[in-house]
Each structure stands twice: as C-alpha cells, then as structure tokens.
Amino acid sequence: MTTRIYLDVSVTRFLSVPLCMIAFGACLCYALTMRYNFAEATSTSCHVTNLLPSFSAATGDFTLQRCIWRLLCGTACPAIFLGACVFFKLLRLYNFSVAKAAAASVCKLSWSVGLFMLTVCGSREIFSVHAFGFSAYALSSAVDIRFLAYLMVRGLTPSGKVDTMGNTCSRVCDVSFIGAITTYIIHDRFCITGAYTIFGLCEILLIGANILIHLRFIIEHLSEFRLTIE
C-alpha cells in the first residue's frame, strides 16, 4: 500500500512564515494607525497626553487595520497551534519528561489561543473576551520566552549550540511584562501623563521579544527538521 504524503516541508519554513506574517501585520497596523488615526488611537478616557497607541487600538479599533490584522493573524494561527504540537514531540525526542513537555507545549498553546482571542474580539466589541485573551497572551508568552531562553543558553536545543540571545529576549520580556502591568495600573487609577505611552511601548517590546526569540530558535536550532503529514 502506497503512503500518501499530504505535507512535507521544513519546520523552519512552516513556523517562521506565520511568525513573519504576524510581525508584518502588527508593523503595518501600527504604521497606518500612526499615519491616519493618531488622534483617535491615542485618546484616553481621562484625557491625558498619550504618544503611542496600544496594540488593541492599532490592530482592532479601525476598519482597515482590523481587516489586515485579522486576515494575517487568523491565517497564521493554525500553523502556530500545530507548532505547539511539534514542540511537544521535539521535547519528547530530546528526553524531556511527558509532564515537562506537556507543560511547555500547553504554555505555547495558551499564548496562541490568547492571541487568537484578542484578534477576533476587539477591545470595542467584547472587552471581557479581549482582555482575557491579552492577559493569557502576555502571561503565557512571558513564561514561554523564559523556557526557550533556558533551552538556548544551556545548549539543550536540537543543534546543541549555546545561544546567549535567549537571555537578552528574556530580560526584555521581564522588563516589558512588569512595566505593562505597572503602568496600566498607574494609568487606570491615577491617570498620570505618560503612563499609557509606556504601557503601549511595553506591549510592543513584549510582542517583539516573543516573535524574535521564536524566530531565532526556529532558524538557528530547528533547521535540520522537516514536518511530514501522511
């Protein structure tokens, strides 16, 4: 009996393309928002000066940006979901216990689902769903980045290389995660000028660190693998 192969592609290409789609979509939405919707995107409920739109505003508050973001991110999410399963199999291949591999993969799946939730539900549509999605994305991606950094710095990746870039991304993630929580609370309770601008910057740094460390991990340490679905 002949085995039919439905998909045979390098892991590097399969996982890096959707991440690049998300990065491109975010950059394009921010650029369009800053150019055409700056005043509305940076307005706040307490009318303090704000110089940077939030991620939610840039990708979900305006029709053109919302369509671009949902098209690119919605197309990329299925591949990222499958990537979490690939990650589980990879960790098991390198003798991680089932519990550790499952925990790491669930964490990766959690931020993927969180990203999908905040994509399909804008902050002006169903705020509770959007807020939960962003919280799940921020917390899960922070943990996931730390785990990837641990693998890279200790040389526990398939390539066996020691990669110190993981530490850099992890530090950026820690600072931006704590900064986002702190400045959001400060803005929400005290409406201090500049707090929401820093919050928006922390969002960008957190998302950027997540994309960057995953691209580095995929390109530098998974280049020898192929994904085959029969």
C-alpha atoms as a PDB file:
ATOM      1  CA  MET A   1       0.000   0.000   0.000  1.00  0.00           C
ATOM      2  CA  THR A   2       1.390   3.394  -1.006  1.00  0.00           C
ATOM      3  CA  THR A   3       1.638   6.059   1.702  1.00  0.00           C
ATOM      4  CA  ARG A   4       0.218   9.381   0.604  1.00  0.00           C
ATOM      5  CA  ILE A   5       2.111  12.404   1.896  1.00  0.00           C
ATOM      6  CA  TYR A   6      -0.134  15.448   2.374  1.00  0.00           C
ATOM      7  CA  LEU A   7       2.546  17.799   3.668  1.00  0.00           C
ATOM      8  CA  ASP A   8       6.330  17.718   3.595  1.00  0.00           C
ATOM      9  CA  VAL A   9       8.028  20.996   4.483  1.00  0.00           C
ATOM     10  CA  SER A  10      10.939  22.164   6.591  1.00  0.00           C
ATOM     11  CA  VAL A  11       9.998  23.091  10.162  1.00  0.00           C
ATOM     12  CA  THR A  12      11.912  26.353   9.732  1.00  0.00           C
ATOM     13  CA  ARG A  13       9.747  27.465   6.814  1.00  0.00           C
ATOM     14  CA  PHE A  14       6.499  26.138   8.253  1.00  0.00           C
ATOM     15  CA  LEU A  15       6.850  28.008  11.555  1.00  0.00           C
ATOM     16  CA  SER A  16       8.813  31.120  10.558  1.00  0.00           C
ATOM     17  CA  VAL A  17       6.402  32.235   7.814  1.00  0.00           C
ATOM     18  CA  PRO A  18       3.363  32.642  10.142  1.00  0.00           C
ATOM     19  CA  LEU A  19       5.502  34.475  12.707  1.00  0.00           C
ATOM     20  CA  CYS A  20       6.694  36.851   9.996  1.00  0.00           C
ATOM     21  CA  MET A  21       3.071  37.358   8.911  1.00  0.00           C
ATOM     22  CA  ILE A  22       2.159  38.391  12.470  1.00  0.00           C
ATOM     23  CA  ALA A  23       5.176  40.714  12.718  1.00  0.00           C
ATOM     24  CA  PHE A  24       4.378  42.297   9.347  1.00  0.00           C
ATOM     25  CA  GLY A  25       0.708  42.686  10.232  1.00  0.00           C
ATOM     26  CA  ALA A  26       1.495  44.376  13.547  1.00  0.00           C
ATOM     27  CA  CYS A  27       4.019  46.763  11.956  1.00  0.00           C
ATOM     28  CA  LEU A  28       1.639  47.664   9.131  1.00  0.00           C
ATOM     29  CA  CYS A  29      -1.271  48.289  11.513  1.00  0.00           C
ATOM     30  CA  TYR A  30       0.878  50.498  13.737  1.00  0.00           C
ATOM     31  CA  ALA A  31       2.156  52.452  10.722  1.00  0.00           C
ATOM     32  CA  LEU A  32      -1.359  53.020   9.343  1.00  0.00           C
ATOM     33  CA  THR A  33      -2.697  53.986  12.751  1.00  0.00           C
ATOM     34  CA  MET A  34       0.118  56.455  13.416  1.00  0.00           C
ATOM     35  CA  ARG A  35      -0.362  57.986   9.960  1.00  0.00           C
ATOM     36  CA  TYR A  36      -4.137  58.174   9.644  1.00  0.00           C
ATOM     37  CA  ASN A  37      -5.743  57.628  13.074  1.00  0.00           C
ATOM     38  CA  PHE A  38      -3.216  59.006  15.544  1.00  0.00           C
ATOM     39  CA  ALA A  39      -5.502  61.384  17.446  1.00  0.00           C
ATOM     40  CA  GLU A  40      -8.301  58.869  17.949  1.00  0.00           C
ATOM     41  CA  ALA A  41      -5.953  55.952  18.707  1.00  0.00           C
ATOM     42  CA  THR A  42      -4.019  57.844  21.378  1.00  0.00           C
ATOM     43  CA  SER A  43      -7.010  59.418  23.124  1.00  0.00           C
ATOM     44  CA  THR A  44      -7.646  58.227  26.690  1.00  0.00           C
ATOM     45  CA  SER A  45     -10.725  58.204  28.899  1.00  0.00           C
ATOM     46  CA  CYS A  46      -9.135  60.671  31.335  1.00  0.00           C
ATOM     47  CA  HIS A  47      -7.793  62.935  28.538  1.00  0.00           C
ATOM     48  CA  VAL A  48      -4.101  62.814  29.477  1.00  0.00           C
ATOM     49  CA  THR A  49      -1.382  63.134  26.818  1.00  0.00           C
ATOM     50  CA  ASN A  50      -0.551  59.834  25.109  1.00  0.00           C
ATOM     51  CA  LEU A  51       2.026  59.444  22.347  1.00  0.00           C
ATOM     52  CA  LEU A  52       1.640  55.777  21.380  1.00  0.00           C
ATOM     53  CA  PRO A  53      -1.470  53.727  20.546  1.00  0.00           C
ATOM     54  CA  SER A  54      -1.994  50.472  22.376  1.00  0.00           C
ATOM     55  CA  PHE A  55      -1.729  47.189  20.497  1.00  0.00           C
ATOM     56  CA  SER A  56      -5.503  46.758  20.809  1.00  0.00           C
ATOM     57  CA  ALA A  57      -6.164  50.179  19.288  1.00  0.00           C
ATOM     58  CA  ALA A  58      -3.667  49.756  16.461  1.00  0.00           C
ATOM     59  CA  THR A  59      -4.960  46.356  15.360  1.00  0.00           C
ATOM     60  CA  GLY A  60      -8.641  46.416  16.278  1.00  0.00           C
ATOM     61  CA  ASP A  61     -10.192  49.875  16.527  1.00  0.00           C
ATOM     62  CA  PHE A  62     -10.160  50.887  12.844  1.00  0.00           C
ATOM     63  CA  THR A  63     -11.703  49.058   9.914  1.00  0.00           C
ATOM     64  CA  LEU A  64      -8.681  48.811   7.586  1.00  0.00           C
ATOM     65  CA  GLN A  65      -6.233  47.811  10.301  1.00  0.00           C
ATOM     66  CA  ARG A  66      -8.719  45.352  11.797  1.00  0.00           C
ATOM     67  CA  CYS A  67      -9.217  43.618   8.430  1.00  0.00           C
ATOM     68  CA  ILE A  68      -5.454  43.424   7.787  1.00  0.00           C
ATOM     69  CA  TRP A  69      -4.704  42.084  11.255  1.00  0.00           C
ATOM     70  CA  ARG A  70      -7.490  39.510  11.272  1.00  0.00           C
ATOM     71  CA  LEU A  71      -6.549  38.276   7.807  1.00  0.00           C
ATOM     72  CA  LEU A  72      -2.837  37.857   8.574  1.00  0.00           C
ATOM     73  CA  CYS A  73      -3.090  36.686  12.184  1.00  0.00           C
ATOM     74  CA  GLY A  74      -6.100  34.469  11.514  1.00  0.00           C
ATOM     75  CA  THR A  75      -4.210  32.790   8.661  1.00  0.00           C
ATOM     76  CA  ALA A  76      -1.099  32.334  10.809  1.00  0.00           C
ATOM     77  CA  CYS A  77      -2.769  30.963  13.960  1.00  0.00           C
ATOM     78  CA  PRO A  78      -3.489  27.393  12.724  1.00  0.00           C
ATOM     79  CA  ALA A  79       0.200  26.888  11.899  1.00  0.00           C
ATOM     80  CA  ILE A  80       1.166  28.227  15.337  1.00  0.00           C
ATOM     81  CA  PHE A  81      -1.311  25.830  17.002  1.00  0.00           C
ATOM     82  CA  LEU A  82       0.280  22.937  15.113  1.00  0.00           C
ATOM     83  CA  GLY A  83       3.684  24.303  16.122  1.00  0.00           C
ATOM     84  CA  ALA A  84       2.798  23.710  19.780  1.00  0.00           C
ATOM     85  CA  CYS A  85       2.232  20.020  18.969  1.00  0.00           C
ATOM     86  CA  VAL A  86       5.533  19.884  17.071  1.00  0.00           C
ATOM     87  CA  PHE A  87       7.254  21.412  20.105  1.00  0.00           C
ATOM     88  CA  PHE A  88       5.857  18.680  22.370  1.00  0.00           C
ATOM     89  CA  LYS A  89       7.147  15.957  20.069  1.00  0.00           C
ATOM     90  CA  LEU A  90      10.520  17.691  19.835  1.00  0.00           C
ATOM     91  CA  LEU A  91      10.926  17.878  23.615  1.00  0.00           C
ATOM     92  CA  ARG A  92       9.989  14.215  23.989  1.00  0.00           C
ATOM     93  CA  LEU A  93      12.541  13.347  21.305  1.00  0.00           C
ATOM     94  CA  TYR A  94      15.214  15.003  23.475  1.00  0.00           C
ATOM     95  CA  ASN A  95      14.239  13.079  26.614  1.00  0.00           C
ATOM     96  CA  PHE A  96      12.127  15.652  28.404  1.00  0.00           C
ATOM     97  CA  SER A  97       9.504  14.020  30.597  1.00  0.00           C
ATOM     98  CA  VAL A  98       5.906  13.914  29.378  1.00  0.00           C
ATOM     99  CA  ALA A  99       4.894  16.341  32.144  1.00  0.00           C
ATOM    100  CA  LYS A 100       7.565  18.929  31.266  1.00  0.00           C
ATOM    101  CA  ALA A 101       6.968  18.625  27.531  1.00  0.00           C
ATOM    102  CA  ALA A 102       3.198  18.916  28.006  1.00  0.00           C
ATOM    103  CA  ALA A 103       3.519  21.933  30.321  1.00  0.00           C
ATOM    104  CA  ALA A 104       5.793  23.757  27.856  1.00  0.00           C
ATOM    105  CA  SER A 105       3.524  22.950  24.915  1.00  0.00           C
ATOM    106  CA  VAL A 106       0.358  23.982  26.774  1.00  0.00           C
ATOM    107  CA  CYS A 107       2.043  27.280  27.635  1.00  0.00           C
ATOM    108  CA  LYS A 108       2.843  27.846  23.953  1.00  0.00           C
ATOM    109  CA  LEU A 109      -0.693  26.865  23.002  1.00  0.00           C
ATOM    110  CA  SER A 110      -2.090  29.246  25.652  1.00  0.00           C
ATOM    111  CA  TRP A 111      -0.443  32.340  24.205  1.00  0.00           C
ATOM    112  CA  SER A 112      -1.507  31.243  20.724  1.00  0.00           C
ATOM    113  CA  VAL A 113      -5.136  30.960  21.852  1.00  0.00           C
ATOM    114  CA  GLY A 114      -4.836  34.270  23.711  1.00  0.00           C
ATOM    115  CA  LEU A 115      -3.549  35.938  20.556  1.00  0.00           C
ATOM    116  CA  PHE A 116      -6.430  34.476  18.569  1.00  0.00           C
ATOM    117  CA  MET A 117      -8.982  35.666  21.154  1.00  0.00           C
ATOM    118  CA  LEU A 118      -7.761  39.258  21.207  1.00  0.00           C
ATOM    119  CA  THR A 119      -7.702  39.164  17.405  1.00  0.00           C
ATOM    120  CA  VAL A 120     -11.289  38.030  16.831  1.00  0.00           C
ATOM    121  CA  CYS A 121     -12.707  40.172  19.663  1.00  0.00           C
ATOM    122  CA  GLY A 122     -11.594  43.798  19.594  1.00  0.00           C
ATOM    123  CA  SER A 123     -11.489  45.954  22.712  1.00  0.00           C
ATOM    124  CA  ARG A 124     -14.541  47.852  21.460  1.00  0.00           C
ATOM    125  CA  GLU A 125     -16.500  44.660  20.722  1.00  0.00           C
ATOM    126  CA  ILE A 126     -16.444  42.179  23.633  1.00  0.00           C
ATOM    127  CA  PHE A 127     -13.992  43.776  26.042  1.00  0.00           C
ATOM    128  CA  SER A 128     -14.007  40.950  28.622  1.00  0.00           C
ATOM    129  CA  VAL A 129     -13.006  38.371  25.985  1.00  0.00           C
ATOM    130  CA  HIS A 130     -10.399  40.724  24.529  1.00  0.00           C
ATOM    131  CA  ALA A 131      -8.917  41.495  27.959  1.00  0.00           C
ATOM    132  CA  PHE A 132      -8.795  37.797  28.896  1.00  0.00           C
ATOM    133  CA  GLY A 133      -7.101  36.989  25.586  1.00  0.00           C
ATOM    134  CA  PHE A 134      -4.460  39.665  26.080  1.00  0.00           C
ATOM    135  CA  SER A 135      -3.820  38.585  29.690  1.00  0.00           C
ATOM    136  CA  ALA A 136      -3.443  34.953  28.591  1.00  0.00           C
ATOM    137  CA  TYR A 137      -1.104  36.007  25.785  1.00  0.00           C
ATOM    138  CA  ALA A 138       1.083  38.220  27.995  1.00  0.00           C
ATOM    139  CA  LEU A 139       1.441  35.764  30.886  1.00  0.00           C
ATOM    140  CA  SER A 140       1.883  32.622  28.761  1.00  0.00           C
ATOM    141  CA  SER A 141       4.347  34.225  26.360  1.00  0.00           C
ATOM    142  CA  ALA A 142       6.429  35.538  29.280  1.00  0.00           C
ATOM    143  CA  VAL A 143       6.723  32.003  30.685  1.00  0.00           C
ATOM    144  CA  ASP A 144       7.330  30.522  27.227  1.00  0.00           C
ATOM    145  CA  ILE A 145      10.120  33.003  26.463  1.00  0.00           C
ATOM    146  CA  ARG A 146      11.845  32.099  29.732  1.00  0.00           C
ATOM    147  CA  PHE A 147      11.691  28.387  28.871  1.00  0.00           C
ATOM    148  CA  LEU A 148      13.087  28.916  25.356  1.00  0.00           C
ATOM    149  CA  ALA A 149      15.858  31.087  26.815  1.00  0.00           C
ATOM    150  CA  TYR A 150      16.681  28.277  29.263  1.00  0.00           C
ATOM    151  CA  LEU A 151      16.995  25.772  26.399  1.00  0.00           C
ATOM    152  CA  MET A 152      19.116  28.125  24.281  1.00  0.00           C
ATOM    153  CA  VAL A 153      21.520  29.292  26.990  1.00  0.00           C
ATOM    154  CA  ARG A 154      22.139  25.757  28.285  1.00  0.00           C
ATOM    155  CA  GLY A 155      22.602  24.281  24.815  1.00  0.00           C
ATOM    156  CA  LEU A 156      19.619  21.944  25.187  1.00  0.00           C
ATOM    157  CA  THR A 157      18.335  22.684  21.680  1.00  0.00           C
ATOM    158  CA  PRO A 158      18.487  20.143  18.823  1.00  0.00           C
ATOM    159  CA  SER A 159      21.504  21.953  17.369  1.00  0.00           C
ATOM    160  CA  GLY A 160      23.372  21.726  20.678  1.00  0.00           C
ATOM    161  CA  LYS A 161      24.539  25.344  20.321  1.00  0.00           C
ATOM    162  CA  VAL A 162      24.786  27.664  23.303  1.00  0.00           C
ATOM    163  CA  ASP A 163      22.860  30.796  22.329  1.00  0.00           C
ATOM    164  CA  THR A 164      23.015  33.782  24.694  1.00  0.00           C
ATOM    165  CA  MET A 165      20.448  35.744  22.712  1.00  0.00           C
ATOM    166  CA  GLY A 166      17.832  33.895  24.727  1.00  0.00           C
ATOM    167  CA  ASN A 167      18.918  35.794  27.838  1.00  0.00           C
ATOM    168  CA  THR A 168      18.527  39.137  26.063  1.00  0.00           C
ATOM    169  CA  CYS A 169      14.985  38.344  24.921  1.00  0.00           C
ATOM    170  CA  SER A 170      14.118  37.016  28.371  1.00  0.00           C
ATOM    171  CA  ARG A 171      15.283  40.216  30.078  1.00  0.00           C
ATOM    172  CA  VAL A 172      13.365  42.390  27.619  1.00  0.00           C
ATOM    173  CA  CYS A 173      10.301  40.247  28.231  1.00  0.00           C
ATOM    174  CA  ASP A 174      10.586  40.501  32.031  1.00  0.00           C
ATOM    175  CA  VAL A 175      11.003  44.280  31.978  1.00  0.00           C
ATOM    176  CA  SER A 176       8.187  44.845  29.474  1.00  0.00           C
ATOM    177  CA  PHE A 177       5.798  42.441  31.250  1.00  0.00           C
ATOM    178  CA  ILE A 178       6.292  44.089  34.648  1.00  0.00           C
ATOM    179  CA  GLY A 179       6.277  47.538  33.040  1.00  0.00           C
ATOM    180  CA  ALA A 180       2.991  46.867  31.226  1.00  0.00           C
ATOM    181  CA  ILE A 181       1.230  45.745  34.404  1.00  0.00           C
ATOM    182  CA  THR A 182       2.618  48.624  36.473  1.00  0.00           C
ATOM    183  CA  THR A 183       1.891  51.412  34.001  1.00  0.00           C
ATOM    184  CA  TYR A 184      -1.604  50.115  33.226  1.00  0.00           C
ATOM    185  CA  ILE A 185      -2.489  50.172  36.929  1.00  0.00           C
ATOM    186  CA  ILE A 186      -0.955  53.644  37.331  1.00  0.00           C
ATOM    187  CA  HIS A 187      -2.904  54.954  34.347  1.00  0.00           C
ATOM    188  CA  ASP A 188      -6.152  53.280  35.410  1.00  0.00           C
ATOM    189  CA  ARG A 189      -6.030  54.549  38.996  1.00  0.00           C
ATOM    190  CA  PHE A 190      -4.165  57.849  38.807  1.00  0.00           C
ATOM    191  CA  CYS A 191      -4.299  58.961  35.131  1.00  0.00           C
ATOM    192  CA  ILE A 192      -0.666  60.102  35.146  1.00  0.00           C
ATOM    193  CA  THR A 193       0.585  61.600  31.885  1.00  0.00           C
ATOM    194  CA  GLY A 194       2.960  59.271  30.048  1.00  0.00           C
ATOM    195  CA  ALA A 195       1.897  56.080  31.844  1.00  0.00           C
ATOM    196  CA  TYR A 196      -0.222  54.811  28.936  1.00  0.00           C
ATOM    197  CA  THR A 197       2.522  55.683  26.453  1.00  0.00           C
ATOM    198  CA  ILE A 198       4.939  53.482  28.412  1.00  0.00           C
ATOM    199  CA  PHE A 199       2.260  50.773  28.566  1.00  0.00           C
ATOM    200  CA  GLY A 200       1.972  50.841  24.766  1.00  0.00           C
ATOM    201  CA  LEU A 201       5.754  50.634  24.426  1.00  0.00           C
ATOM    202  CA  CYS A 202       5.885  47.665  26.813  1.00  0.00           C
ATOM    203  CA  GLU A 203       3.256  45.891  24.697  1.00  0.00           C
ATOM    204  CA  ILE A 204       5.391  46.330  21.585  1.00  0.00           C
ATOM    205  CA  LEU A 205       8.534  45.089  23.367  1.00  0.00           C
ATOM    206  CA  LEU A 206       6.765  42.019  24.775  1.00  0.00           C
ATOM    207  CA  ILE A 207       5.296  41.014  21.415  1.00  0.00           C
ATOM    208  CA  GLY A 208       8.588  41.762  19.659  1.00  0.00           C
ATOM    209  CA  ALA A 209      10.615  39.693  22.138  1.00  0.00           C
ATOM    210  CA  ASN A 210       8.230  36.761  21.678  1.00  0.00           C
ATOM    211  CA  ILE A 211       8.465  36.837  17.892  1.00  0.00           C
ATOM    212  CA  LEU A 212      12.222  37.402  17.879  1.00  0.00           C
ATOM    213  CA  ILE A 213      13.148  34.560  20.232  1.00  0.00           C
ATOM    214  CA  HIS A 214      10.879  32.135  18.368  1.00  0.00           C
ATOM    215  CA  LEU A 215      12.352  33.093  15.000  1.00  0.00           C
ATOM    216  CA  ARG A 216      15.865  32.716  16.425  1.00  0.00           C
ATOM    217  CA  PHE A 217      15.019  29.318  17.919  1.00  0.00           C
ATOM    218  CA  ILE A 218      13.376  28.072  14.730  1.00  0.00           C
ATOM    219  CA  ILE A 219      16.006  29.304  12.257  1.00  0.00           C
ATOM    220  CA  GLU A 220      19.142  28.550  14.285  1.00  0.00           C
ATOM    221  CA  HIS A 221      18.150  25.367  16.096  1.00  0.00           C
ATOM    222  CA  LEU A 222      15.465  23.570  14.067  1.00  0.00           C
ATOM    223  CA  SER A 223      16.850  23.866  10.540  1.00  0.00           C
ATOM    224  CA  GLU A 224      17.558  20.117  10.250  1.00  0.00           C
ATOM    225  CA  PHE A 225      13.949  19.038  10.869  1.00  0.00           C
ATOM    226  CA  ARG A 226      11.109  18.518   8.430  1.00  0.00           C
ATOM    227  CA  LEU A 227       7.385  18.322   9.112  1.00  0.00           C
ATOM    228  CA  THR A 228       5.686  15.453   7.312  1.00  0.00           C
ATOM    229  CA  ILE A 229       1.967  14.657   7.479  1.00  0.00           C
ATOM    230  CA  GLU A 230       0.984  11.365   5.884  1.00  0.00           C
END
